[in-house]
PDB file of N, CA and C in Angstrom:
ATOM      1  N   MET A   1      19.874  12.520 -16.424  1.00  0.00           N
ATOM      2  CA  MET A   1      19.196  13.333 -15.443  1.00  0.00           C
ATOM      3  C   MET A   1      19.221  12.594 -14.119  1.00  0.00           C
ATOM      4  N   ASP A   2      19.475  13.322 -13.048  1.00  0.00           N
ATOM      5  CA  ASP A   2      19.587  12.715 -11.727  1.00  0.00           C
ATOM      6  C   ASP A   2      18.343  12.971 -10.889  1.00  0.00           C
ATOM      7  N   GLY A   3      18.050  12.013 -10.042  1.00  0.00           N
ATOM      8  CA  GLY A   3      16.984  12.130  -9.061  1.00  0.00           C
ATOM      9  C   GLY A   3      17.495  11.605  -7.739  1.00  0.00           C
ATOM     10  N   THR A   4      16.633  11.560  -6.760  1.00  0.00           N
ATOM     11  CA  THR A   4      17.007  11.066  -5.440  1.00  0.00           C
ATOM     12  C   THR A   4      15.955  10.090  -4.951  1.00  0.00           C
ATOM     13  N   THR A   5      16.417   8.957  -4.446  1.00  0.00           N
ATOM     14  CA  THR A   5      15.534   8.010  -3.782  1.00  0.00           C
ATOM     15  C   THR A   5      15.559   8.331  -2.297  1.00  0.00           C
ATOM     16  N   ILE A   6      14.388   8.495  -1.711  1.00  0.00           N
ATOM     17  CA  ILE A   6      14.269   8.776  -0.279  1.00  0.00           C
ATOM     18  C   ILE A   6      13.517   7.613   0.354  1.00  0.00           C
ATOM     19  N   ILE A   7      14.138   7.016   1.360  1.00  0.00           N
ATOM     20  CA  ILE A   7      13.547   5.891   2.070  1.00  0.00           C
ATOM     21  C   ILE A   7      13.406   6.306   3.532  1.00  0.00           C
ATOM     22  N   TYR A   8      12.201   6.172   4.083  1.00  0.00           N
ATOM     23  CA  TYR A   8      12.003   6.565   5.479  1.00  0.00           C
ATOM     24  C   TYR A   8      11.125   5.559   6.198  1.00  0.00           C
ATOM     25  N   LYS A   9      11.218   5.564   7.510  1.00  0.00           N
ATOM     26  CA  LYS A   9      10.359   4.738   8.352  1.00  0.00           C
ATOM     27  C   LYS A   9       9.976   5.545   9.577  1.00  0.00           C
ATOM     28  N   ALA A  10       8.691   5.751   9.743  1.00  0.00           N
ATOM     29  CA  ALA A  10       8.182   6.484  10.905  1.00  0.00           C
ATOM     30  C   ALA A  10       7.938   5.492  12.033  1.00  0.00           C
ATOM     31  N   LYS A  11       8.347   5.864  13.228  1.00  0.00           N
ATOM     32  CA  LYS A  11       8.145   4.999  14.388  1.00  0.00           C
ATOM     33  C   LYS A  11       6.967   5.526  15.191  1.00  0.00           C
ATOM     34  N   GLY A  12       6.018   4.669  15.437  1.00  0.00           N
ATOM     35  CA  GLY A  12       4.855   5.050  16.230  1.00  0.00           C
ATOM     36  C   GLY A  12       3.716   5.564  15.363  1.00  0.00           C
ATOM     37  N   LYS A  13       2.505   5.334  15.831  1.00  0.00           N
ATOM     38  CA  LYS A  13       1.321   5.757  15.084  1.00  0.00           C
ATOM     39  C   LYS A  13       1.185   7.268  15.032  1.00  0.00           C
ATOM     40  N   SER A  14       1.553   7.932  16.099  1.00  0.00           N
ATOM     41  CA  SER A  14       1.407   9.379  16.168  1.00  0.00           C
ATOM     42  C   SER A  14       2.260  10.073  15.116  1.00  0.00           C
ATOM     43  N   SER A  15       3.544   9.765  15.090  1.00  0.00           N
ATOM     44  CA  SER A  15       4.421  10.426  14.119  1.00  0.00           C
ATOM     45  C   SER A  15       4.088   9.986  12.706  1.00  0.00           C
ATOM     46  N   SER A  16       3.643   8.743  12.554  1.00  0.00           N
ATOM     47  CA  SER A  16       3.277   8.244  11.234  1.00  0.00           C
ATOM     48  C   SER A  16       2.070   8.995  10.672  1.00  0.00           C
ATOM     49  N   SER A  17       1.049   9.223  11.488  1.00  0.00           N
ATOM     50  CA  SER A  17      -0.142   9.920  11.000  1.00  0.00           C
ATOM     51  C   SER A  17       0.131  11.404  10.775  1.00  0.00           C
ATOM     52  N   GLN A  18       0.974  12.007  11.611  1.00  0.00           N
ATOM     53  CA  GLN A  18       1.332  13.412  11.396  1.00  0.00           C
ATOM     54  C   GLN A  18       2.101  13.577  10.093  1.00  0.00           C
ATOM     55  N   LEU A  19       3.040  12.677   9.841  1.00  0.00           N
ATOM     56  CA  LEU A  19       3.814  12.738   8.608  1.00  0.00           C
ATOM     57  C   LEU A  19       2.922  12.491   7.399  1.00  0.00           C
ATOM     58  N   SER A  20       1.999  11.554   7.519  1.00  0.00           N
ATOM     59  CA  SER A  20       1.079  11.264   6.424  1.00  0.00           C
ATOM     60  C   SER A  20       0.256  12.499   6.062  1.00  0.00           C
ATOM     61  N   GLY A  21      -0.223  13.206   7.052  1.00  0.00           N
ATOM     62  CA  GLY A  21      -0.976  14.434   6.798  1.00  0.00           C
ATOM     63  C   GLY A  21      -0.125  15.502   6.153  1.00  0.00           C
ATOM     64  N   ALA A  22       1.128  15.615   6.584  1.00  0.00           N
ATOM     65  CA  ALA A  22       2.023  16.621   6.013  1.00  0.00           C
ATOM     66  C   ALA A  22       2.414  16.270   4.580  1.00  0.00           C
ATOM     67  N   LEU A  23       2.524  14.990   4.278  1.00  0.00           N
ATOM     68  CA  LEU A  23       2.894  14.574   2.923  1.00  0.00           C
ATOM     69  C   LEU A  23       1.703  14.599   1.971  1.00  0.00           C
ATOM     70  N   ASN A  24       0.586  14.009   2.392  1.00  0.00           N
ATOM     71  CA  ASN A  24      -0.560  13.827   1.503  1.00  0.00           C
ATOM     72  C   ASN A  24      -1.629  14.900   1.626  1.00  0.00           C
ATOM     73  N   GLY A  25      -1.593  15.684   2.681  1.00  0.00           N
ATOM     74  CA  GLY A  25      -2.642  16.659   2.935  1.00  0.00           C
ATOM     75  C   GLY A  25      -3.754  16.025   3.756  1.00  0.00           C
ATOM     76  N   TYR A  26      -4.658  16.844   4.246  1.00  0.00           N
ATOM     77  CA  TYR A  26      -5.759  16.345   5.063  1.00  0.00           C
ATOM     78  C   TYR A  26      -6.882  17.369   5.095  1.00  0.00           C
ATOM     79  N   LYS A  27      -8.045  16.910   5.549  1.00  0.00           N
ATOM     80  CA  LYS A  27      -9.199  17.789   5.709  1.00  0.00           C
ATOM     81  C   LYS A  27      -9.306  18.168   7.176  1.00  0.00           C
ATOM     82  N   ASP A  28      -9.469  19.443   7.415  1.00  0.00           N
ATOM     83  CA  ASP A  28      -9.514  19.976   8.774  1.00  0.00           C
ATOM     84  C   ASP A  28     -10.910  20.544   9.011  1.00  0.00           C
ATOM     85  N   TYR A  29     -11.617  20.000   9.996  1.00  0.00           N
ATOM     86  CA  TYR A  29     -12.958  20.464  10.330  1.00  0.00           C
ATOM     87  C   TYR A  29     -12.892  21.327  11.583  1.00  0.00           C
ATOM     88  N   SER A  30     -13.652  22.411  11.577  1.00  0.00           N
ATOM     89  CA  SER A  30     -13.696  23.250  12.771  1.00  0.00           C
ATOM     90  C   SER A  30     -15.145  23.610  13.086  1.00  0.00           C
ATOM     91  N   ASN A  31     -15.351  24.032  14.306  1.00  0.00           N
ATOM     92  CA  ASN A  31     -16.671  24.435  14.784  1.00  0.00           C
ATOM     93  C   ASN A  31     -17.690  23.312  14.588  1.00  0.00           C
ATOM     94  N   LYS A  32     -17.328  22.121  15.073  1.00  0.00           N
ATOM     95  CA  LYS A  32     -18.189  20.932  15.018  1.00  0.00           C
ATOM     96  C   LYS A  32     -18.583  20.563  13.595  1.00  0.00           C
ATOM     97  N   GLY A  33     -17.653  20.687  12.677  1.00  0.00           N
ATOM     98  CA  GLY A  33     -17.891  20.282  11.301  1.00  0.00           C
ATOM     99  C   GLY A  33     -18.542  21.334  10.432  1.00  0.00           C
ATOM    100  N   LYS A  34     -18.739  22.519  10.959  1.00  0.00           N
ATOM    101  CA  LYS A  34     -19.399  23.567  10.191  1.00  0.00           C
ATOM    102  C   LYS A  34     -18.506  24.074   9.062  1.00  0.00           C
ATOM    103  N   TYR A  35     -17.208  24.137   9.322  1.00  0.00           N
ATOM    104  CA  TYR A  35     -16.261  24.633   8.325  1.00  0.00           C
ATOM    105  C   TYR A  35     -15.285  23.530   7.950  1.00  0.00           C
ATOM    106  N   LEU A  36     -14.962  23.472   6.680  1.00  0.00           N
ATOM    107  CA  LEU A  36     -14.031  22.475   6.173  1.00  0.00           C
ATOM    108  C   LEU A  36     -12.869  23.183   5.491  1.00  0.00           C
ATOM    109  N   TYR A  37     -11.663  22.831   5.892  1.00  0.00           N
ATOM    110  CA  TYR A  37     -10.461  23.370   5.273  1.00  0.00           C
ATOM    111  C   TYR A  37      -9.651  22.207   4.727  1.00  0.00           C
ATOM    112  N   GLU A  38      -9.244  22.299   3.477  1.00  0.00           N
ATOM    113  CA  GLU A  38      -8.395  21.270   2.891  1.00  0.00           C
ATOM    114  C   GLU A  38      -6.955  21.744   2.949  1.00  0.00           C
ATOM    115  N   ARG A  39      -6.146  21.034   3.713  1.00  0.00           N
ATOM    116  CA  ARG A  39      -4.730  21.365   3.863  1.00  0.00           C
ATOM    117  C   ARG A  39      -3.944  20.569   2.835  1.00  0.00           C
ATOM    118  N   LYS A  40      -3.167  21.257   2.035  1.00  0.00           N
ATOM    119  CA  LYS A  40      -2.390  20.586   1.002  1.00  0.00           C
ATOM    120  C   LYS A  40      -1.131  19.981   1.598  1.00  0.00           C
ATOM    121  N   GLY A  41      -0.717  18.856   1.021  1.00  0.00           N
ATOM    122  CA  GLY A  41       0.496  18.187   1.460  1.00  0.00           C
ATOM    123  C   GLY A  41       1.654  18.473   0.521  1.00  0.00           C
ATOM    124  N   LEU A  42       2.837  18.108   0.950  1.00  0.00           N
ATOM    125  CA  LEU A  42       4.043  18.340   0.163  1.00  0.00           C
ATOM    126  C   LEU A  42       3.999  17.603  -1.170  1.00  0.00           C
ATOM    127  N   LEU A  43       3.435  16.404  -1.194  1.00  0.00           N
ATOM    128  CA  LEU A  43       3.423  15.613  -2.417  1.00  0.00           C
ATOM    129  C   LEU A  43       2.508  16.201  -3.485  1.00  0.00           C
ATOM    130  N   GLU A  44       1.625  17.107  -3.117  1.00  0.00           N
ATOM    131  CA  GLU A  44       0.804  17.798  -4.109  1.00  0.00           C
ATOM    132  C   GLU A  44       1.603  18.889  -4.802  1.00  0.00           C
ATOM    133  N   GLU A  45       2.689  19.335  -4.167  1.00  0.00           N
ATOM    134  CA  GLU A  45       3.493  20.429  -4.708  1.00  0.00           C
ATOM    135  C   GLU A  45       4.663  19.953  -5.556  1.00  0.00           C
ATOM    136  N   ILE A  46       5.227  18.800  -5.224  1.00  0.00           N
ATOM    137  CA  ILE A  46       6.416  18.350  -5.940  1.00  0.00           C
ATOM    138  C   ILE A  46       6.108  17.082  -6.734  1.00  0.00           C
ATOM    139  N   PRO A  47       6.680  16.954  -7.932  1.00  0.00           N
ATOM    140  CA  PRO A  47       6.505  15.714  -8.692  1.00  0.00           C
ATOM    141  C   PRO A  47       7.277  14.587  -8.009  1.00  0.00           C
ATOM    142  N   HIS A  48       6.688  13.402  -7.974  1.00  0.00           N
ATOM    143  CA  HIS A  48       7.311  12.283  -7.281  1.00  0.00           C
ATOM    144  C   HIS A  48       6.834  10.969  -7.869  1.00  0.00           C
ATOM    145  N   ILE A  49       7.557   9.919  -7.557  1.00  0.00           N
ATOM    146  CA  ILE A  49       7.151   8.561  -7.890  1.00  0.00           C
ATOM    147  C   ILE A  49       7.180   7.777  -6.586  1.00  0.00           C
ATOM    148  N   LYS A  50       6.063   7.172  -6.234  1.00  0.00           N
ATOM    149  CA  LYS A  50       6.004   6.363  -5.016  1.00  0.00           C
ATOM    150  C   LYS A  50       6.236   4.909  -5.419  1.00  0.00           C
ATOM    151  N   LEU A  51       7.323   4.328  -4.939  1.00  0.00           N
ATOM    152  CA  LEU A  51       7.651   2.951  -5.274  1.00  0.00           C
ATOM    153  C   LEU A  51       6.940   1.963  -4.356  1.00  0.00           C
ATOM    154  N   MET A  52       6.924   2.259  -3.086  1.00  0.00           N
ATOM    155  CA  MET A  52       6.225   1.458  -2.087  1.00  0.00           C
ATOM    156  C   MET A  52       6.125   2.294  -0.820  1.00  0.00           C
ATOM    157  N   ARG A  53       5.573   1.737   0.236  1.00  0.00           N
ATOM    158  CA  ARG A  53       5.398   2.504   1.467  1.00  0.00           C
ATOM    159  C   ARG A  53       6.754   3.001   1.971  1.00  0.00           C
ATOM    160  N   GLY A  54       6.884   4.303   2.083  1.00  0.00           N
ATOM    161  CA  GLY A  54       8.095   4.897   2.622  1.00  0.00           C
ATOM    162  C   GLY A  54       9.234   5.037   1.636  1.00  0.00           C
ATOM    163  N   VAL A  55       8.980   4.813   0.341  1.00  0.00           N
ATOM    164  CA  VAL A  55      10.045   4.910  -0.667  1.00  0.00           C
ATOM    165  C   VAL A  55       9.560   5.791  -1.815  1.00  0.00           C
ATOM    166  N   PHE A  56      10.270   6.903  -2.045  1.00  0.00           N
ATOM    167  CA  PHE A  56       9.906   7.850  -3.088  1.00  0.00           C
ATOM    168  C   PHE A  56      11.113   8.189  -3.944  1.00  0.00           C
ATOM    169  N   ILE A  57      10.853   8.520  -5.204  1.00  0.00           N
ATOM    170  CA  ILE A  57      11.857   9.121  -6.075  1.00  0.00           C
ATOM    171  C   ILE A  57      11.389  10.537  -6.358  1.00  0.00           C
ATOM    172  N   VAL A  58      12.269  11.510  -6.131  1.00  0.00           N
ATOM    173  CA  VAL A  58      11.948  12.914  -6.383  1.00  0.00           C
ATOM    174  C   VAL A  58      13.067  13.542  -7.202  1.00  0.00           C
ATOM    175  N   ASN A  59      12.771  14.712  -7.777  1.00  0.00           N
ATOM    176  CA  ASN A  59      13.801  15.480  -8.478  1.00  0.00           C
ATOM    177  C   ASN A  59      14.912  15.832  -7.508  1.00  0.00           C
ATOM    178  N   LYS A  60      16.090  15.984  -8.042  1.00  0.00           N
ATOM    179  CA  LYS A  60      17.221  16.369  -7.199  1.00  0.00           C
ATOM    180  C   LYS A  60      16.967  17.734  -6.551  1.00  0.00           C
ATOM    181  N   GLU A  61      16.271  18.626  -7.266  1.00  0.00           N
ATOM    182  CA  GLU A  61      15.999  19.976  -6.758  1.00  0.00           C
ATOM    183  C   GLU A  61      15.002  19.968  -5.599  1.00  0.00           C
ATOM    184  N   ASP A  62      14.108  18.982  -5.558  1.00  0.00           N
ATOM    185  CA  ASP A  62      13.071  18.927  -4.524  1.00  0.00           C
ATOM    186  C   ASP A  62      13.464  18.090  -3.311  1.00  0.00           C
ATOM    187  N   THR A  63      14.646  17.508  -3.352  1.00  0.00           N
ATOM    188  CA  THR A  63      15.084  16.627  -2.267  1.00  0.00           C
ATOM    189  C   THR A  63      15.122  17.349  -0.930  1.00  0.00           C
ATOM    190  N   GLN A  64      15.626  18.568  -0.914  1.00  0.00           N
ATOM    191  CA  GLN A  64      15.785  19.288   0.351  1.00  0.00           C
ATOM    192  C   GLN A  64      14.437  19.592   1.005  1.00  0.00           C
ATOM    193  N   LYS A  65      13.397  19.873   0.211  1.00  0.00           N
ATOM    194  CA  LYS A  65      12.064  20.111   0.775  1.00  0.00           C
ATOM    195  C   LYS A  65      11.567  18.865   1.509  1.00  0.00           C
ATOM    196  N   PHE A  66      11.753  17.713   0.859  1.00  0.00           N
ATOM    197  CA  PHE A  66      11.302  16.446   1.438  1.00  0.00           C
ATOM    198  C   PHE A  66      12.072  16.142   2.720  1.00  0.00           C
ATOM    199  N   ILE A  67      13.390  16.322   2.681  1.00  0.00           N
ATOM    200  CA  ILE A  67      14.232  16.028   3.840  1.00  0.00           C
ATOM    201  C   ILE A  67      13.915  16.960   5.008  1.00  0.00           C
ATOM    202  N   SER A  68      13.664  18.227   4.722  1.00  0.00           N
ATOM    203  CA  SER A  68      13.354  19.156   5.815  1.00  0.00           C
ATOM    204  C   SER A  68      12.040  18.774   6.499  1.00  0.00           C
ATOM    205  N   LEU A  69      11.078  18.260   5.728  1.00  0.00           N
ATOM    206  CA  LEU A  69       9.824  17.787   6.320  1.00  0.00           C
ATOM    207  C   LEU A  69      10.079  16.575   7.216  1.00  0.00           C
ATOM    208  N   LEU A  70      10.905  15.647   6.759  1.00  0.00           N
ATOM    209  CA  LEU A  70      11.230  14.473   7.573  1.00  0.00           C
ATOM    210  C   LEU A  70      11.970  14.875   8.844  1.00  0.00           C
ATOM    211  N   ASN A  71      12.860  15.849   8.734  1.00  0.00           N
ATOM    212  CA  ASN A  71      13.588  16.326   9.915  1.00  0.00           C
ATOM    213  C   ASN A  71      12.656  16.998  10.913  1.00  0.00           C
ATOM    214  N   ARG A  72      11.647  17.710  10.414  1.00  0.00           N
ATOM    215  CA  ARG A  72      10.695  18.394  11.298  1.00  0.00           C
ATOM    216  C   ARG A  72       9.967  17.400  12.206  1.00  0.00           C
ATOM    217  N   TYR A  73       9.660  16.214  11.661  1.00  0.00           N
ATOM    218  CA  TYR A  73       8.960  15.193  12.440  1.00  0.00           C
ATOM    219  C   TYR A  73       9.907  14.153  13.039  1.00  0.00           C
ATOM    220  N   LYS A  74      11.211  14.407  12.944  1.00  0.00           N
ATOM    221  CA  LYS A  74      12.248  13.535  13.519  1.00  0.00           C
ATOM    222  C   LYS A  74      12.113  12.101  13.016  1.00  0.00           C
ATOM    223  N   ILE A  75      11.999  11.964  11.693  1.00  0.00           N
ATOM    224  CA  ILE A  75      11.857  10.668  11.046  1.00  0.00           C
ATOM    225  C   ILE A  75      13.224  10.217  10.536  1.00  0.00           C
ATOM    226  N   GLU A  76      13.543   8.951  10.753  1.00  0.00           N
ATOM    227  CA  GLU A  76      14.799   8.394  10.248  1.00  0.00           C
ATOM    228  C   GLU A  76      14.657   8.162   8.743  1.00  0.00           C
ATOM    229  N   TYR A  77      15.662   8.564   7.974  1.00  0.00           N
ATOM    230  CA  TYR A  77      15.592   8.412   6.524  1.00  0.00           C
ATOM    231  C   TYR A  77      16.973   8.142   5.942  1.00  0.00           C
ATOM    232  N   HIS A  78      16.962   7.646   4.706  1.00  0.00           N
ATOM    233  CA  HIS A  78      18.184   7.420   3.938  1.00  0.00           C
ATOM    234  C   HIS A  78      17.926   7.928   2.524  1.00  0.00           C
ATOM    235  N   THR A  79      18.947   8.518   1.909  1.00  0.00           N
ATOM    236  CA  THR A  79      18.810   9.009   0.539  1.00  0.00           C
ATOM    237  C   THR A  79      19.922   8.436  -0.324  1.00  0.00           C
ATOM    238  N   ARG A  80      19.622   8.268  -1.605  1.00  0.00           N
ATOM    239  CA  ARG A  80      20.602   7.842  -2.593  1.00  0.00           C
ATOM    240  C   ARG A  80      20.298   8.566  -3.894  1.00  0.00           C
ATOM    241  N   GLU A  81      21.345   9.025  -4.548  1.00  0.00           N
ATOM    242  CA  GLU A  81      21.159   9.617  -5.868  1.00  0.00           C
ATOM    243  C   GLU A  81      21.005   8.488  -6.877  1.00  0.00           C
ATOM    244  N   VAL A  82      20.088   8.672  -7.812  1.00  0.00           N
ATOM    245  CA  VAL A  82      19.827   7.666  -8.840  1.00  0.00           C
ATOM    246  C   VAL A  82      19.808   8.339 -10.204  1.00  0.00           C
ATOM    247  N   ILE A  83      20.086   7.548 -11.222  1.00  0.00           N
ATOM    248  CA  ILE A  83      19.965   8.022 -12.597  1.00  0.00           C
ATOM    249  C   ILE A  83      18.564   7.647 -13.061  1.00  0.00           C
ATOM    250  N   LEU A  84      17.816   8.631 -13.509  1.00  0.00           N
ATOM    251  CA  LEU A  84      16.425   8.421 -13.890  1.00  0.00           C
ATOM    252  C   LEU A  84      16.326   7.784 -15.271  1.00  0.00           C
ATOM    253  N   THR A  85      15.385   6.861 -15.429  1.00  0.00           N
ATOM    254  CA  THR A  85      15.096   6.279 -16.735  1.00  0.00           C
ATOM    255  C   THR A  85      14.185   7.239 -17.497  1.00  0.00           C
ATOM    256  N   LEU A  86      13.963   6.954 -18.765  1.00  0.00           N
ATOM    257  CA  LEU A  86      13.069   7.800 -19.564  1.00  0.00           C
ATOM    258  C   LEU A  86      11.653   7.806 -18.990  1.00  0.00           C
ATOM    259  N   GLN A  87      11.201   6.662 -18.496  1.00  0.00           N
ATOM    260  CA  GLN A  87       9.865   6.587 -17.890  1.00  0.00           C
ATOM    261  C   GLN A  87       9.787   7.450 -16.636  1.00  0.00           C
ATOM    262  N   ASP A  88      10.840   7.414 -15.825  1.00  0.00           N
ATOM    263  CA  ASP A  88      10.871   8.237 -14.613  1.00  0.00           C
ATOM    264  C   ASP A  88      10.858   9.719 -14.964  1.00  0.00           C
ATOM    265  N   ILE A  89      11.618  10.095 -15.984  1.00  0.00           N
ATOM    266  CA  ILE A  89      11.682  11.497 -16.403  1.00  0.00           C
ATOM    267  C   ILE A  89      10.308  11.982 -16.849  1.00  0.00           C
ATOM    268  N   GLU A  90       9.579  11.138 -17.578  1.00  0.00           N
ATOM    269  CA  GLU A  90       8.232  11.505 -18.023  1.00  0.00           C
ATOM    270  C   GLU A  90       7.273  11.631 -16.839  1.00  0.00           C
ATOM    271  N   LYS A  91       7.339  10.685 -15.889  1.00  0.00           N
ATOM    272  CA  LYS A  91       6.446  10.733 -14.727  1.00  0.00           C
ATOM    273  C   LYS A  91       6.711  11.958 -13.861  1.00  0.00           C
ATOM    274  N   LEU A  92       7.982  12.362 -13.775  1.00  0.00           N
ATOM    275  CA  LEU A  92       8.331  13.524 -12.968  1.00  0.00           C
ATOM    276  C   LEU A  92       8.144  14.833 -13.730  1.00  0.00           C
ATOM    277  N   GLY A  93       7.784  14.738 -15.012  1.00  0.00           N
ATOM    278  CA  GLY A  93       7.528  15.941 -15.801  1.00  0.00           C
ATOM    279  C   GLY A  93       8.772  16.726 -16.138  1.00  0.00           C
ATOM    280  N   LEU A  94       9.886  16.044 -16.330  1.00  0.00           N
ATOM    281  CA  LEU A  94      11.147  16.726 -16.611  1.00  0.00           C
ATOM    282  C   LEU A  94      11.485  16.770 -18.089  1.00  0.00           C
ATOM    283  N   SER A  95      10.694  16.129 -18.923  1.00  0.00           N
ATOM    284  CA  SER A  95      11.029  16.082 -20.353  1.00  0.00           C
ATOM    285  C   SER A  95      10.716  17.365 -21.073  1.00  0.00           C
TER     286      SER A  95
END
């Protein structure tokens, strides 16, 4: 079974925090904190393995979603196809 390793580095605090919110989700307060909205991130939708900061393994099918998000925020990234181990397959829910 194949997966993809995605490695990225965000430059600047602004783009880094915007990307973090888009990946992990965030809480949005409006009307001086009266209303709370929880915005879901991409990583809540797709199975993934986080190896370290800026390094993820995702299913081959979900790679394009991740890359399009990185392109939206103009983040530099590199991808490599990898062969998944049995542990990776279980973590990604592919078994």
